[in-house]
């Protein structure tokens, strides 16, 4: 949303970079965490969105930290 990029546009850009499975539907499933992505996908997503990989992963790191706190208590 921040990049004003539709799922279709993002999928097109990912396919241009070599991500063959990137479709609008696949992007939607990635956003809703219905499919897993590998390191290759993460790198392409960060490149396509013109952000650092750490920025892409920051929300996941925060979520993992919260889960870790709950398990320690």
Protein backbone atom coordinates (compact mmCIF):
# COMPACT_ATOMS: atom_id res chain seq x y z
CA UNK A 1 0.00 0.00 0.00
CA UNK A 2 2.79 2.42 0.88
CA UNK A 3 4.21 1.98 -2.61
CA UNK A 4 0.80 2.45 -4.31
CA UNK A 5 1.39 -0.83 -6.09
CA UNK A 6 -1.40 -3.22 -6.99
CA UNK A 7 -1.02 -6.95 -6.52
CA UNK A 8 -1.06 -7.36 -10.29
CA UNK A 9 1.68 -4.76 -10.79
CA UNK A 10 3.80 -6.35 -8.07
CA UNK A 11 3.33 -9.79 -9.65
CA UNK A 12 4.31 -8.43 -13.07
CA UNK A 13 7.47 -6.86 -11.65
CA UNK A 14 8.36 -10.06 -9.80
CA UNK A 15 7.92 -12.12 -12.98
CA UNK A 16 10.16 -9.64 -14.82
CA UNK A 17 12.84 -10.48 -12.23
CA UNK A 18 12.40 -14.21 -12.77
CA UNK A 19 9.78 -15.25 -10.21
CA UNK A 20 7.71 -17.51 -12.47
CA UNK A 21 4.96 -18.32 -9.95
CA UNK A 22 4.22 -14.65 -9.25
CA UNK A 23 0.59 -13.98 -10.13
CA UNK A 24 -1.90 -11.60 -8.58
CA UNK A 25 -3.40 -14.56 -6.73
CA UNK A 26 0.03 -15.68 -5.43
CA UNK A 27 0.81 -12.16 -4.18
CA UNK A 28 -2.55 -12.12 -2.40
CA UNK A 29 -1.75 -15.44 -0.74
CA UNK A 30 1.68 -14.18 0.33
CA UNK A 31 0.08 -11.08 1.87
CA UNK A 32 -2.43 -13.20 3.78
CA UNK A 33 0.24 -15.75 4.80
CA UNK A 34 -1.48 -18.59 2.98
CA UNK A 35 1.71 -19.61 1.16
CA UNK A 36 5.28 -19.78 2.33
CA UNK A 37 7.99 -17.84 0.58
CA UNK A 38 11.64 -18.74 0.46
CA UNK A 39 14.71 -16.56 0.69
CA UNK A 40 14.75 -16.08 -3.08
CA UNK A 41 11.20 -14.66 -2.98
CA UNK A 42 12.05 -12.36 -0.08
CA UNK A 43 15.02 -10.93 -1.94
CA UNK A 44 12.92 -10.34 -5.07
CA UNK A 45 10.09 -8.79 -3.04
CA UNK A 46 12.48 -6.38 -1.34
CA UNK A 47 14.09 -5.47 -4.66
CA UNK A 48 10.72 -4.98 -6.36
CA UNK A 49 9.42 -2.80 -3.52
CA UNK A 50 12.72 -0.89 -3.42
CA UNK A 51 13.26 -1.57 0.27
CA UNK A 52 15.94 -3.25 2.35
CA UNK A 53 15.37 -6.88 3.23
CA UNK A 54 15.54 -5.94 6.92
CA UNK A 55 12.60 -3.57 6.44
CA UNK A 56 10.59 -6.37 4.87
CA UNK A 57 11.43 -8.73 7.74
CA UNK A 58 11.04 -6.27 10.63
CA UNK A 59 7.35 -7.05 11.30
CA UNK A 60 8.16 -10.77 11.43
CA UNK A 61 11.04 -10.17 13.82
CA UNK A 62 8.74 -8.22 16.14
CA UNK A 63 6.13 -10.97 15.98
CA UNK A 64 8.75 -13.63 16.75
CA UNK A 65 9.96 -11.61 19.74
CA UNK A 66 6.41 -11.41 21.10
CA UNK A 67 5.90 -15.14 20.69
CA UNK A 68 9.20 -15.75 22.46
CA UNK A 69 8.10 -13.58 25.40
CA UNK A 70 4.86 -15.55 25.74
CA UNK A 71 6.70 -18.86 25.78
CA UNK A 72 9.18 -17.68 28.41
CA UNK A 73 6.41 -16.63 30.79
